[in-house]
Amino acid sequence: MTMRTKLLASLFAFAIAAPALALAQDAKQDFTLVNRTGYELNAVYVSPSHAEDWGSDVMGRDTLANGGTVDIHFNRASRTCNWDLKVVYTVDDSSAVWHDIDLCTVSKITIRYNKNTDTTTASYD
């Protein structure tokens, strides 16, 4: 195989792969979760919107302290944009859930707890 043939073959392979690489980059659902609740979080679950199962805790064995952040990464092949989020508090195992978060447009989620109303809210950036 000549050098020119090798170069043309490489360019052809790149031309075929380039659209797939662009799709993978466009399907980015990674986000940072910020805990501003005043309490430690024992678990964080992220699943496709309205899935039957939450799956595994995305933090594994770790907890997320108040004021802490965790970067949540997705498989680049994932194409779903709408996801549900569930956090579980360490102090009493209570939880808060949000549905249909468009993680294709959200890069940071900050959660806060209001003691007066006993509600956990989320803001999206």
PDB file of N, CA and C in Angstrom:
ATOM      1  N   MET A   1       0.855  -1.167   0.000  1.00  0.00           N
ATOM      2  CA  MET A   1       0.000   0.000   0.000  1.00  0.00           C
ATOM      3  C   MET A   1       0.908   1.239   0.000  1.00  0.00           C
ATOM      4  N   THR A   2       0.628   2.138  -0.906  1.00  0.00           N
ATOM      5  CA  THR A   2       1.434   3.353  -1.015  1.00  0.00           C
ATOM      6  C   THR A   2       1.059   4.338   0.076  1.00  0.00           C
ATOM      7  N   MET A   3       1.924   5.332   0.282  1.00  0.00           N
ATOM      8  CA  MET A   3       1.668   6.356   1.289  1.00  0.00           C
ATOM      9  C   MET A   3       0.391   7.122   0.956  1.00  0.00           C
ATOM     10  N   ARG A   4       0.197   7.392  -0.341  1.00  0.00           N
ATOM     11  CA  ARG A   4      -1.002   8.131  -0.763  1.00  0.00           C
ATOM     12  C   ARG A   4      -2.259   7.304  -0.483  1.00  0.00           C
ATOM     13  N   THR A   5      -2.227   6.019  -0.737  1.00  0.00           N
ATOM     14  CA  THR A   5      -3.369   5.148  -0.479  1.00  0.00           C
ATOM     15  C   THR A   5      -3.685   5.107   1.011  1.00  0.00           C
ATOM     16  N   LYS A   6      -2.645   5.035   1.853  1.00  0.00           N
ATOM     17  CA  LYS A   6      -2.843   5.029   3.304  1.00  0.00           C
ATOM     18  C   LYS A   6      -3.478   6.342   3.773  1.00  0.00           C
ATOM     19  N   LEU A   7      -3.002   7.460   3.201  1.00  0.00           N
ATOM     20  CA  LEU A   7      -3.539   8.764   3.570  1.00  0.00           C
ATOM     21  C   LEU A   7      -5.004   8.884   3.176  1.00  0.00           C
ATOM     22  N   LEU A   8      -5.343   8.444   1.963  1.00  0.00           N
ATOM     23  CA  LEU A   8      -6.726   8.493   1.511  1.00  0.00           C
ATOM     24  C   LEU A   8      -7.620   7.593   2.371  1.00  0.00           C
ATOM     25  N   ALA A   9      -7.121   6.423   2.743  1.00  0.00           N
ATOM     26  CA  ALA A   9      -7.887   5.513   3.596  1.00  0.00           C
ATOM     27  C   ALA A   9      -8.131   6.147   4.965  1.00  0.00           C
ATOM     28  N   SER A  10      -7.124   6.811   5.521  1.00  0.00           N
ATOM     29  CA  SER A  10      -7.277   7.470   6.821  1.00  0.00           C
ATOM     30  C   SER A  10      -8.290   8.603   6.743  1.00  0.00           C
ATOM     31  N   LEU A  11      -8.221   9.403   5.680  1.00  0.00           N
ATOM     32  CA  LEU A  11      -9.170  10.497   5.511  1.00  0.00           C
ATOM     33  C   LEU A  11     -10.588   9.975   5.354  1.00  0.00           C
ATOM     34  N   PHE A  12     -10.746   8.887   4.612  1.00  0.00           N
ATOM     35  CA  PHE A  12     -12.062   8.285   4.419  1.00  0.00           C
ATOM     36  C   PHE A  12     -12.619   7.792   5.758  1.00  0.00           C
ATOM     37  N   ALA A  13     -11.782   7.128   6.558  1.00  0.00           N
ATOM     38  CA  ALA A  13     -12.218   6.622   7.858  1.00  0.00           C
ATOM     39  C   ALA A  13     -12.620   7.777   8.763  1.00  0.00           C
ATOM     40  N   PHE A  14     -11.874   8.888   8.744  1.00  0.00           N
ATOM     41  CA  PHE A  14     -12.214  10.044   9.562  1.00  0.00           C
ATOM     42  C   PHE A  14     -13.529  10.660   9.104  1.00  0.00           C
ATOM     43  N   ALA A  15     -13.741  10.738   7.785  1.00  0.00           N
ATOM     44  CA  ALA A  15     -14.977  11.324   7.258  1.00  0.00           C
ATOM     45  C   ALA A  15     -16.196  10.519   7.692  1.00  0.00           C
ATOM     46  N   ILE A  16     -16.036   9.214   7.803  1.00  0.00           N
ATOM     47  CA  ILE A  16     -17.140   8.367   8.258  1.00  0.00           C
ATOM     48  C   ILE A  16     -17.348   8.532   9.765  1.00  0.00           C
ATOM     49  N   ALA A  17     -16.271   8.631  10.542  1.00  0.00           N
ATOM     50  CA  ALA A  17     -16.364   8.700  11.989  1.00  0.00           C
ATOM     51  C   ALA A  17     -16.742  10.090  12.494  1.00  0.00           C
ATOM     52  N   ALA A  18     -16.451  11.141  11.778  1.00  0.00           N
ATOM     53  CA  ALA A  18     -16.676  12.511  12.252  1.00  0.00           C
ATOM     54  C   ALA A  18     -18.124  12.781  12.651  1.00  0.00           C
ATOM     55  N   PRO A  19     -19.129  12.387  11.843  1.00  0.00           N
ATOM     56  CA  PRO A  19     -20.513  12.633  12.286  1.00  0.00           C
ATOM     57  C   PRO A  19     -20.847  11.914  13.586  1.00  0.00           C
ATOM     58  N   ALA A  20     -20.348  10.714  13.779  1.00  0.00           N
ATOM     59  CA  ALA A  20     -20.604   9.983  15.020  1.00  0.00           C
ATOM     60  C   ALA A  20     -19.959  10.690  16.207  1.00  0.00           C
ATOM     61  N   LEU A  21     -18.754  11.227  16.014  1.00  0.00           N
ATOM     62  CA  LEU A  21     -18.103  11.970  17.091  1.00  0.00           C
ATOM     63  C   LEU A  21     -18.894  13.225  17.424  1.00  0.00           C
ATOM     64  N   ALA A  22     -19.404  13.898  16.425  1.00  0.00           N
ATOM     65  CA  ALA A  22     -20.194  15.109  16.668  1.00  0.00           C
ATOM     66  C   ALA A  22     -21.465  14.777  17.439  1.00  0.00           C
ATOM     67  N   LEU A  23     -22.123  13.674  17.104  1.00  0.00           N
ATOM     68  CA  LEU A  23     -23.319  13.259  17.824  1.00  0.00           C
ATOM     69  C   LEU A  23     -23.003  12.954  19.280  1.00  0.00           C
ATOM     70  N   ALA A  24     -21.878  12.291  19.529  1.00  0.00           N
ATOM     71  CA  ALA A  24     -21.506  11.952  20.892  1.00  0.00           C
ATOM     72  C   ALA A  24     -21.266  13.208  21.707  1.00  0.00           C
ATOM     73  N   GLN A  25     -20.656  14.214  21.125  1.00  0.00           N
ATOM     74  CA  GLN A  25     -20.411  15.454  21.844  1.00  0.00           C
ATOM     75  C   GLN A  25     -21.719  16.204  22.073  1.00  0.00           C
ATOM     76  N   ASP A  26     -22.659  16.135  21.148  1.00  0.00           N
ATOM     77  CA  ASP A  26     -23.933  16.828  21.287  1.00  0.00           C
ATOM     78  C   ASP A  26     -24.821  16.178  22.349  1.00  0.00           C
ATOM     79  N   ALA A  27     -24.578  14.927  22.663  1.00  0.00           N
ATOM     80  CA  ALA A  27     -25.422  14.188  23.604  1.00  0.00           C
ATOM     81  C   ALA A  27     -24.905  14.299  25.031  1.00  0.00           C
ATOM     82  N   LYS A  28     -24.338  15.416  25.388  1.00  0.00           N
ATOM     83  CA  LYS A  28     -23.714  15.581  26.699  1.00  0.00           C
ATOM     84  C   LYS A  28     -24.741  15.936  27.773  1.00  0.00           C
ATOM     85  N   GLN A  29     -24.931  15.026  28.726  1.00  0.00           N
ATOM     86  CA  GLN A  29     -25.849  15.258  29.837  1.00  0.00           C
ATOM     87  C   GLN A  29     -25.106  15.435  31.161  1.00  0.00           C
ATOM     88  N   ASP A  30     -23.792  15.465  31.143  1.00  0.00           N
ATOM     89  CA  ASP A  30     -23.024  15.621  32.384  1.00  0.00           C
ATOM     90  C   ASP A  30     -23.453  16.892  33.107  1.00  0.00           C
ATOM     91  N   PHE A  31     -23.478  16.831  34.434  1.00  0.00           N
ATOM     92  CA  PHE A  31     -23.815  18.018  35.207  1.00  0.00           C
ATOM     93  C   PHE A  31     -23.151  17.957  36.578  1.00  0.00           C
ATOM     94  N   THR A  32     -23.117  19.098  37.238  1.00  0.00           N
ATOM     95  CA  THR A  32     -22.601  19.206  38.592  1.00  0.00           C
ATOM     96  C   THR A  32     -23.775  19.396  39.538  1.00  0.00           C
ATOM     97  N   LEU A  33     -23.814  18.600  40.591  1.00  0.00           N
ATOM     98  CA  LEU A  33     -24.847  18.727  41.615  1.00  0.00           C
ATOM     99  C   LEU A  33     -24.233  19.446  42.818  1.00  0.00           C
ATOM    100  N   VAL A  34     -24.890  20.518  43.260  1.00  0.00           N
ATOM    101  CA  VAL A  34     -24.427  21.307  44.402  1.00  0.00           C
ATOM    102  C   VAL A  34     -25.425  21.136  45.545  1.00  0.00           C
ATOM    103  N   ASN A  35     -24.929  20.735  46.704  1.00  0.00           N
ATOM    104  CA  ASN A  35     -25.776  20.514  47.874  1.00  0.00           C
ATOM    105  C   ASN A  35     -25.734  21.739  48.783  1.00  0.00           C
ATOM    106  N   ARG A  36     -26.811  22.508  48.795  1.00  0.00           N
ATOM    107  CA  ARG A  36     -26.946  23.675  49.677  1.00  0.00           C
ATOM    108  C   ARG A  36     -28.158  23.480  50.608  1.00  0.00           C
ATOM    109  N   THR A  37     -28.391  22.232  51.014  1.00  0.00           N
ATOM    110  CA  THR A  37     -29.571  21.915  51.823  1.00  0.00           C
ATOM    111  C   THR A  37     -29.367  22.142  53.312  1.00  0.00           C
ATOM    112  N   GLY A  38     -28.121  22.164  53.747  1.00  0.00           N
ATOM    113  CA  GLY A  38     -27.853  22.208  55.177  1.00  0.00           C
ATOM    114  C   GLY A  38     -27.674  20.821  55.767  1.00  0.00           C
ATOM    115  N   TYR A  39     -27.819  19.783  54.937  1.00  0.00           N
ATOM    116  CA  TYR A  39     -27.726  18.398  55.381  1.00  0.00           C
ATOM    117  C   TYR A  39     -26.885  17.580  54.425  1.00  0.00           C
ATOM    118  N   GLU A  40     -26.347  16.484  54.936  1.00  0.00           N
ATOM    119  CA  GLU A  40     -25.592  15.547  54.109  1.00  0.00           C
ATOM    120  C   GLU A  40     -26.556  14.692  53.286  1.00  0.00           C
ATOM    121  N   LEU A  41     -26.161  14.399  52.050  1.00  0.00           N
ATOM    122  CA  LEU A  41     -26.931  13.500  51.189  1.00  0.00           C
ATOM    123  C   LEU A  41     -26.277  12.127  51.206  1.00  0.00           C
ATOM    124  N   ASN A  42     -27.086  11.111  51.417  1.00  0.00           N
ATOM    125  CA  ASN A  42     -26.598   9.745  51.463  1.00  0.00           C
ATOM    126  C   ASN A  42     -26.547   9.113  50.073  1.00  0.00           C
ATOM    127  N   ALA A  43     -27.458   9.517  49.191  1.00  0.00           N
ATOM    128  CA  ALA A  43     -27.530   8.889  47.872  1.00  0.00           C
ATOM    129  C   ALA A  43     -28.088   9.875  46.849  1.00  0.00           C
ATOM    130  N   VAL A  44     -27.661   9.682  45.599  1.00  0.00           N
ATOM    131  CA  VAL A  44     -28.166  10.460  44.468  1.00  0.00           C
ATOM    132  C   VAL A  44     -28.466   9.477  43.348  1.00  0.00           C
ATOM    133  N   TYR A  45     -29.674   9.558  42.813  1.00  0.00           N
ATOM    134  CA  TYR A  45     -30.086   8.685  41.715  1.00  0.00           C
ATOM    135  C   TYR A  45     -30.487   9.543  40.519  1.00  0.00           C
ATOM    136  N   VAL A  46     -30.088   9.098  39.335  1.00  0.00           N
ATOM    137  CA  VAL A  46     -30.454   9.768  38.093  1.00  0.00           C
ATOM    138  C   VAL A  46     -30.911   8.678  37.133  1.00  0.00           C
ATOM    139  N   SER A  47     -32.117   8.843  36.602  1.00  0.00           N
ATOM    140  CA  SER A  47     -32.621   7.848  35.658  1.00  0.00           C
ATOM    141  C   SER A  47     -33.374   8.543  34.534  1.00  0.00           C
ATOM    142  N   PRO A  48     -33.485   7.874  33.386  1.00  0.00           N
ATOM    143  CA  PRO A  48     -34.288   8.469  32.312  1.00  0.00           C
ATOM    144  C   PRO A  48     -35.689   8.780  32.835  1.00  0.00           C
ATOM    145  N   SER A  49     -36.276   9.856  32.376  1.00  0.00           N
ATOM    146  CA  SER A  49     -37.583  10.289  32.888  1.00  0.00           C
ATOM    147  C   SER A  49     -38.597   9.168  32.915  1.00  0.00           C
ATOM    148  N   HIS A  50     -39.226   9.041  34.051  1.00  0.00           N
ATOM    149  CA  HIS A  50     -40.319   8.107  34.292  1.00  0.00           C
ATOM    150  C   HIS A  50     -39.927   6.639  34.077  1.00  0.00           C
ATOM    151  N   ALA A  51     -38.654   6.313  34.312  1.00  0.00           N
ATOM    152  CA  ALA A  51     -38.206   4.917  34.232  1.00  0.00           C
ATOM    153  C   ALA A  51     -38.814   4.138  35.393  1.00  0.00           C
ATOM    154  N   GLU A  52     -38.918   2.851  35.249  1.00  0.00           N
ATOM    155  CA  GLU A  52     -39.484   1.992  36.284  1.00  0.00           C
ATOM    156  C   GLU A  52     -38.561   1.854  37.490  1.00  0.00           C
ATOM    157  N   ASP A  53     -37.258   2.019  37.287  1.00  0.00           N
ATOM    158  CA  ASP A  53     -36.273   1.747  38.328  1.00  0.00           C
ATOM    159  C   ASP A  53     -35.283   2.916  38.413  1.00  0.00           C
ATOM    160  N   TRP A  54     -34.861   3.264  39.621  1.00  0.00           N
ATOM    161  CA  TRP A  54     -33.881   4.331  39.789  1.00  0.00           C
ATOM    162  C   TRP A  54     -32.471   3.882  39.452  1.00  0.00           C
ATOM    163  N   GLY A  55     -32.209   2.592  39.499  1.00  0.00           N
ATOM    164  CA  GLY A  55     -30.852   2.120  39.253  1.00  0.00           C
ATOM    165  C   GLY A  55     -29.981   2.305  40.485  1.00  0.00           C
ATOM    166  N   SER A  56     -28.685   2.429  40.273  1.00  0.00           N
ATOM    167  CA  SER A  56     -27.720   2.525  41.367  1.00  0.00           C
ATOM    168  C   SER A  56     -27.472   3.970  41.784  1.00  0.00           C
ATOM    169  N   ASP A  57     -27.067   4.132  43.016  1.00  0.00           N
ATOM    170  CA  ASP A  57     -26.643   5.428  43.540  1.00  0.00           C
ATOM    171  C   ASP A  57     -25.425   5.877  42.733  1.00  0.00           C
ATOM    172  N   VAL A  58     -25.502   7.034  42.088  1.00  0.00           N
ATOM    173  CA  VAL A  58     -24.409   7.487  41.214  1.00  0.00           C
ATOM    174  C   VAL A  58     -23.172   7.901  42.001  1.00  0.00           C
ATOM    175  N   MET A  59     -23.305   8.072  43.310  1.00  0.00           N
ATOM    176  CA  MET A  59     -22.136   8.403  44.126  1.00  0.00           C
ATOM    177  C   MET A  59     -21.474   7.156  44.701  1.00  0.00           C
ATOM    178  N   GLY A  60     -22.063   5.998  44.493  1.00  0.00           N
ATOM    179  CA  GLY A  60     -21.487   4.771  45.035  1.00  0.00           C
ATOM    180  C   GLY A  60     -21.568   4.759  46.545  1.00  0.00           C
ATOM    181  N   ARG A  61     -20.454   4.585  47.208  1.00  0.00           N
ATOM    182  CA  ARG A  61     -20.408   4.519  48.673  1.00  0.00           C
ATOM    183  C   ARG A  61     -20.242   5.887  49.315  1.00  0.00           C
ATOM    184  N   ASP A  62     -19.982   6.906  48.544  1.00  0.00           N
ATOM    185  CA  ASP A  62     -19.733   8.240  49.082  1.00  0.00           C
ATOM    186  C   ASP A  62     -21.026   8.935  49.495  1.00  0.00           C
ATOM    187  N   THR A  63     -20.874   9.982  50.309  1.00  0.00           N
ATOM    188  CA  THR A  63     -21.970  10.878  50.648  1.00  0.00           C
ATOM    189  C   THR A  63     -21.594  12.263  50.141  1.00  0.00           C
ATOM    190  N   LEU A  64     -22.581  13.157  50.095  1.00  0.00           N
ATOM    191  CA  LEU A  64     -22.331  14.521  49.645  1.00  0.00           C
ATOM    192  C   LEU A  64     -22.649  15.476  50.791  1.00  0.00           C
ATOM    193  N   ALA A  65     -21.610  16.068  51.361  1.00  0.00           N
ATOM    194  CA  ALA A  65     -21.763  16.976  52.496  1.00  0.00           C
ATOM    195  C   ALA A  65     -22.474  18.254  52.063  1.00  0.00           C
ATOM    196  N   ASN A  66     -23.086  18.932  53.026  1.00  0.00           N
ATOM    197  CA  ASN A  66     -23.654  20.246  52.750  1.00  0.00           C
ATOM    198  C   ASN A  66     -22.531  21.156  52.241  1.00  0.00           C
ATOM    199  N   GLY A  67     -22.801  21.890  51.182  1.00  0.00           N
ATOM    200  CA  GLY A  67     -21.801  22.756  50.566  1.00  0.00           C
ATOM    201  C   GLY A  67     -20.936  22.039  49.559  1.00  0.00           C
ATOM    202  N   GLY A  68     -21.065  20.726  49.475  1.00  0.00           N
ATOM    203  CA  GLY A  68     -20.249  19.941  48.549  1.00  0.00           C
ATOM    204  C   GLY A  68     -20.845  19.872  47.155  1.00  0.00           C
ATOM    205  N   THR A  69     -20.017  19.443  46.224  1.00  0.00           N
ATOM    206  CA  THR A  69     -20.455  19.245  44.842  1.00  0.00           C
ATOM    207  C   THR A  69     -20.015  17.863  44.368  1.00  0.00           C
ATOM    208  N   VAL A  70     -20.730  17.338  43.403  1.00  0.00           N
ATOM    209  CA  VAL A  70     -20.339  16.091  42.754  1.00  0.00           C
ATOM    210  C   VAL A  70     -20.603  16.255  41.258  1.00  0.00           C
ATOM    211  N   ASP A  71     -19.635  15.831  40.449  1.00  0.00           N
ATOM    212  CA  ASP A  71     -19.797  15.838  38.998  1.00  0.00           C
ATOM    213  C   ASP A  71     -20.366  14.501  38.579  1.00  0.00           C
ATOM    214  N   ILE A  72     -21.479  14.544  37.871  1.00  0.00           N
ATOM    215  CA  ILE A  72     -22.149  13.325  37.427  1.00  0.00           C
ATOM    216  C   ILE A  72     -21.951  13.201  35.928  1.00  0.00           C
ATOM    217  N   HIS A  73     -21.373  12.061  35.522  1.00  0.00           N
ATOM    218  CA  HIS A  73     -21.013  11.838  34.124  1.00  0.00           C
ATOM    219  C   HIS A  73     -21.882  10.734  33.517  1.00  0.00           C
ATOM    220  N   PHE A  74     -22.197  10.895  32.255  1.00  0.00           N
ATOM    221  CA  PHE A  74     -23.022   9.949  31.522  1.00  0.00           C
ATOM    222  C   PHE A  74     -22.222   9.269  30.437  1.00  0.00           C
ATOM    223  N   ASN A  75     -22.696   8.115  30.019  1.00  0.00           N
ATOM    224  CA  ASN A  75     -22.146   7.428  28.860  1.00  0.00           C
ATOM    225  C   ASN A  75     -22.406   8.304  27.641  1.00  0.00           C
ATOM    226  N   ARG A  76     -21.395   8.565  26.871  1.00  0.00           N
ATOM    227  CA  ARG A  76     -21.525   9.461  25.717  1.00  0.00           C
ATOM    228  C   ARG A  76     -22.510   8.947  24.665  1.00  0.00           C
ATOM    229  N   ALA A  77     -22.812   7.657  24.689  1.00  0.00           N
ATOM    230  CA  ALA A  77     -23.754   7.108  23.719  1.00  0.00           C
ATOM    231  C   ALA A  77     -25.205   7.397  24.098  1.00  0.00           C
ATOM    232  N   SER A  78     -25.428   7.859  25.307  1.00  0.00           N
ATOM    233  CA  SER A  78     -26.786   8.139  25.757  1.00  0.00           C
ATOM    234  C   SER A  78     -27.377   9.296  24.963  1.00  0.00           C
ATOM    235  N   ARG A  79     -28.592   9.111  24.471  1.00  0.00           N
ATOM    236  CA  ARG A  79     -29.226  10.142  23.643  1.00  0.00           C
ATOM    237  C   ARG A  79     -30.381  10.840  24.358  1.00  0.00           C
ATOM    238  N   THR A  80     -30.838  10.283  25.464  1.00  0.00           N
ATOM    239  CA  THR A  80     -31.966  10.849  26.187  1.00  0.00           C
ATOM    240  C   THR A  80     -31.574  12.163  26.837  1.00  0.00           C
ATOM    241  N   CYS A  81     -32.422  13.177  26.715  1.00  0.00           N
ATOM    242  CA  CYS A  81     -32.158  14.472  27.353  1.00  0.00           C
ATOM    243  C   CYS A  81     -32.925  14.634  28.662  1.00  0.00           C
ATOM    244  N   ASN A  82     -34.104  14.063  28.764  1.00  0.00           N
ATOM    245  CA  ASN A  82     -34.944  14.254  29.956  1.00  0.00           C
ATOM    246  C   ASN A  82     -34.682  13.171  30.990  1.00  0.00           C
ATOM    247  N   TRP A  83     -34.308  13.631  32.196  1.00  0.00           N
ATOM    248  CA  TRP A  83     -33.925  12.733  33.280  1.00  0.00           C
ATOM    249  C   TRP A  83     -34.634  13.119  34.563  1.00  0.00           C
ATOM    250  N   ASP A  84     -34.786  12.143  35.454  1.00  0.00           N
ATOM    251  CA  ASP A  84     -35.321  12.377  36.787  1.00  0.00           C
ATOM    252  C   ASP A  84     -34.158  12.318  37.772  1.00  0.00           C
ATOM    253  N   LEU A  85     -34.276  13.083  38.851  1.00  0.00           N
ATOM    254  CA  LEU A  85     -33.234  13.159  39.881  1.00  0.00           C
ATOM    255  C   LEU A  85     -33.877  12.883  41.240  1.00  0.00           C
ATOM    256  N   LYS A  86     -33.215  12.053  42.033  1.00  0.00           N
ATOM    257  CA  LYS A  86     -33.675  11.766  43.391  1.00  0.00           C
ATOM    258  C   LYS A  86     -32.481  11.867  44.331  1.00  0.00           C
ATOM    259  N   VAL A  87     -32.665  12.606  45.429  1.00  0.00           N
ATOM    260  CA  VAL A  87     -31.640  12.677  46.466  1.00  0.00           C
ATOM    261  C   VAL A  87     -32.227  12.126  47.760  1.00  0.00           C
ATOM    262  N   VAL A  88     -31.374  11.458  48.535  1.00  0.00           N
ATOM    263  CA  VAL A  88     -31.801  10.867  49.804  1.00  0.00           C
ATOM    264  C   VAL A  88     -30.925  11.457  50.911  1.00  0.00           C
ATOM    265  N   TYR A  89     -31.579  12.001  51.936  1.00  0.00           N
ATOM    266  CA  TYR A  89     -30.874  12.592  53.066  1.00  0.00           C
ATOM    267  C   TYR A  89     -30.326  11.517  53.995  1.00  0.00           C
ATOM    268  N   THR A  90     -29.141  11.759  54.550  1.00  0.00           N
ATOM    269  CA  THR A  90     -28.530  10.825  55.501  1.00  0.00           C
ATOM    270  C   THR A  90     -29.255  10.835  56.836  1.00  0.00           C
ATOM    271  N   VAL A  91     -29.686  12.002  57.305  1.00  0.00           N
ATOM    272  CA  VAL A  91     -30.224  12.176  58.646  1.00  0.00           C
ATOM    273  C   VAL A  91     -31.482  11.348  58.917  1.00  0.00           C
ATOM    274  N   ASP A  92     -32.362  11.200  57.916  1.00  0.00           N
ATOM    275  CA  ASP A  92     -33.612  10.478  58.180  1.00  0.00           C
ATOM    276  C   ASP A  92     -34.105   9.634  57.001  1.00  0.00           C
ATOM    277  N   ASP A  93     -33.281   9.476  55.990  1.00  0.00           N
ATOM    278  CA  ASP A  93     -33.629   8.698  54.786  1.00  0.00           C
ATOM    279  C   ASP A  93     -34.793   9.283  53.996  1.00  0.00           C
ATOM    280  N   SER A  94     -35.202  10.526  54.283  1.00  0.00           N
ATOM    281  CA  SER A  94     -36.233  11.145  53.447  1.00  0.00           C
ATOM    282  C   SER A  94     -35.614  11.499  52.103  1.00  0.00           C
ATOM    283  N   SER A  95     -36.463  11.760  51.116  1.00  0.00           N
ATOM    284  CA  SER A  95     -35.937  12.019  49.782  1.00  0.00           C
ATOM    285  C   SER A  95     -36.702  13.155  49.103  1.00  0.00           C
ATOM    286  N   ALA A  96     -36.098  13.665  48.051  1.00  0.00           N
ATOM    287  CA  ALA A  96     -36.728  14.668  47.188  1.00  0.00           C
ATOM    288  C   ALA A  96     -36.512  14.217  45.748  1.00  0.00           C
ATOM    289  N   VAL A  97     -37.518  14.462  44.914  1.00  0.00           N
ATOM    290  CA  VAL A  97     -37.479  13.985  43.532  1.00  0.00           C
ATOM    291  C   VAL A  97     -37.880  15.108  42.582  1.00  0.00           C
ATOM    292  N   TRP A  98     -37.180  15.177  41.447  1.00  0.00           N
ATOM    293  CA  TRP A  98     -37.532  16.101  40.364  1.00  0.00           C
ATOM    294  C   TRP A  98     -37.644  15.288  39.083  1.00  0.00           C
ATOM    295  N   HIS A  99     -38.608  15.653  38.245  1.00  0.00           N
ATOM    296  CA  HIS A  99     -38.859  14.928  36.994  1.00  0.00           C
ATOM    297  C   HIS A  99     -38.587  15.811  35.782  1.00  0.00           C
ATOM    298  N   ASP A 100     -38.267  15.154  34.680  1.00  0.00           N
ATOM    299  CA  ASP A 100     -38.142  15.794  33.361  1.00  0.00           C
ATOM    300  C   ASP A 100     -37.149  16.945  33.323  1.00  0.00           C
ATOM    301  N   ILE A 101     -35.974  16.749  33.881  1.00  0.00           N
ATOM    302  CA  ILE A 101     -34.912  17.753  33.798  1.00  0.00           C
ATOM    303  C   ILE A 101     -34.202  17.564  32.465  1.00  0.00           C
ATOM    304  N   ASP A 102     -34.127  18.610  31.662  1.00  0.00           N
ATOM    305  CA  ASP A 102     -33.457  18.537  30.358  1.00  0.00           C
ATOM    306  C   ASP A 102     -31.951  18.698  30.567  1.00  0.00           C
ATOM    307  N   LEU A 103     -31.260  17.580  30.743  1.00  0.00           N
ATOM    308  CA  LEU A 103     -29.829  17.622  31.016  1.00  0.00           C
ATOM    309  C   LEU A 103     -28.999  17.933  29.778  1.00  0.00           C
ATOM    310  N   CYS A 104     -29.632  18.050  28.624  1.00  0.00           N
ATOM    311  CA  CYS A 104     -28.900  18.501  27.435  1.00  0.00           C
ATOM    312  C   CYS A 104     -28.693  20.014  27.482  1.00  0.00           C
ATOM    313  N   THR A 105     -29.472  20.705  28.327  1.00  0.00           N
ATOM    314  CA  THR A 105     -29.342  22.162  28.441  1.00  0.00           C
ATOM    315  C   THR A 105     -28.918  22.612  29.839  1.00  0.00           C
ATOM    316  N   VAL A 106     -28.884  21.701  30.805  1.00  0.00           N
ATOM    317  CA  VAL A 106     -28.535  22.032  32.189  1.00  0.00           C
ATOM    318  C   VAL A 106     -27.131  21.501  32.481  1.00  0.00           C
ATOM    319  N   SER A 107     -26.279  22.341  33.058  1.00  0.00           N
ATOM    320  CA  SER A 107     -24.932  21.888  33.411  1.00  0.00           C
ATOM    321  C   SER A 107     -24.692  21.897  34.921  1.00  0.00           C
ATOM    322  N   LYS A 108     -25.596  22.544  35.668  1.00  0.00           N
ATOM    323  CA  LYS A 108     -25.440  22.590  37.123  1.00  0.00           C
ATOM    324  C   LYS A 108     -26.812  22.613  37.782  1.00  0.00           C
ATOM    325  N   ILE A 109     -26.976  21.772  38.804  1.00  0.00           N
ATOM    326  CA  ILE A 109     -28.209  21.737  39.596  1.00  0.00           C
ATOM    327  C   ILE A 109     -27.828  22.023  41.044  1.00  0.00           C
ATOM    328  N   THR A 110     -28.451  23.046  41.614  1.00  0.00           N
ATOM    329  CA  THR A 110     -28.215  23.389  43.007  1.00  0.00           C
ATOM    330  C   THR A 110     -29.494  23.099  43.783  1.00  0.00           C
ATOM    331  N   ILE A 111     -29.370  22.291  44.844  1.00  0.00           N
ATOM    332  CA  ILE A 111     -30.554  21.972  45.643  1.00  0.00           C
ATOM    333  C   ILE A 111     -30.456  22.671  47.002  1.00  0.00           C
ATOM    334  N   ARG A 112     -31.627  23.113  47.483  1.00  0.00           N
ATOM    335  CA  ARG A 112     -31.732  23.821  48.761  1.00  0.00           C
ATOM    336  C   ARG A 112     -32.934  23.279  49.535  1.00  0.00           C
ATOM    337  N   TYR A 113     -32.801  23.283  50.851  1.00  0.00           N
ATOM    338  CA  TYR A 113     -33.887  22.849  51.721  1.00  0.00           C
ATOM    339  C   TYR A 113     -34.377  24.043  52.524  1.00  0.00           C
ATOM    340  N   ASN A 114     -35.700  24.211  52.599  1.00  0.00           N
ATOM    341  CA  ASN A 114     -36.315  25.277  53.373  1.00  0.00           C
ATOM    342  C   ASN A 114     -36.996  24.641  54.585  1.00  0.00           C
ATOM    343  N   LYS A 115     -36.461  24.904  55.775  1.00  0.00           N
ATOM    344  CA  LYS A 115     -37.016  24.315  57.010  1.00  0.00           C
ATOM    345  C   LYS A 115     -38.443  24.805  57.287  1.00  0.00           C
ATOM    346  N   ASN A 116     -38.731  26.051  56.953  1.00  0.00           N
ATOM    347  CA  ASN A 116     -40.057  26.610  57.235  1.00  0.00           C
ATOM    348  C   ASN A 116     -41.161  25.923  56.443  1.00  0.00           C
ATOM    349  N   THR A 117     -40.875  25.560  55.203  1.00  0.00           N
ATOM    350  CA  THR A 117     -41.890  24.914  54.364  1.00  0.00           C
ATOM    351  C   THR A 117     -41.655  23.410  54.214  1.00  0.00           C
ATOM    352  N   ASP A 118     -40.535  22.917  54.764  1.00  0.00           N
ATOM    353  CA  ASP A 118     -40.173  21.501  54.670  1.00  0.00           C
ATOM    354  C   ASP A 118     -40.128  21.025  53.211  1.00  0.00           C
ATOM    355  N   THR A 119     -39.519  21.849  52.348  1.00  0.00           N
ATOM    356  CA  THR A 119     -39.411  21.481  50.941  1.00  0.00           C
ATOM    357  C   THR A 119     -37.975  21.625  50.466  1.00  0.00           C
ATOM    358  N   THR A 120     -37.612  20.743  49.549  1.00  0.00           N
ATOM    359  CA  THR A 120     -36.315  20.815  48.890  1.00  0.00           C
ATOM    360  C   THR A 120     -36.578  21.289  47.467  1.00  0.00           C
ATOM    361  N   THR A 121     -35.875  22.329  47.060  1.00  0.00           N
ATOM    362  CA  THR A 121     -36.039  22.882  45.723  1.00  0.00           C
ATOM    363  C   THR A 121     -34.745  22.752  44.934  1.00  0.00           C
ATOM    364  N   ALA A 122     -34.871  22.881  43.630  1.00  0.00           N
ATOM    365  CA  ALA A 122     -33.697  22.804  42.760  1.00  0.00           C
ATOM    366  C   ALA A 122     -33.718  23.980  41.797  1.00  0.00           C
ATOM    367  N   SER A 123     -32.531  24.532  41.550  1.00  0.00           N
ATOM    368  CA  SER A 123     -32.379  25.539  40.504  1.00  0.00           C
ATOM    369  C   SER A 123     -31.408  25.006  39.478  1.00  0.00           C
ATOM    370  N   TYR A 124     -31.641  25.364  38.226  1.00  0.00           N
ATOM    371  CA  TYR A 124     -30.871  24.819  37.104  1.00  0.00           C
ATOM    372  C   TYR A 124     -30.093  25.920  36.395  1.00  0.00           C
ATOM    373  N   ASP A 125     -28.838  25.650  36.124  1.00  0.00           N
ATOM    374  CA  ASP A 125     -27.984  26.548  35.348  1.00  0.00           C
ATOM    375  C   ASP A 125     -27.441  25.817  34.143  1.00  0.00           C
TER     376      ASP A 125
END
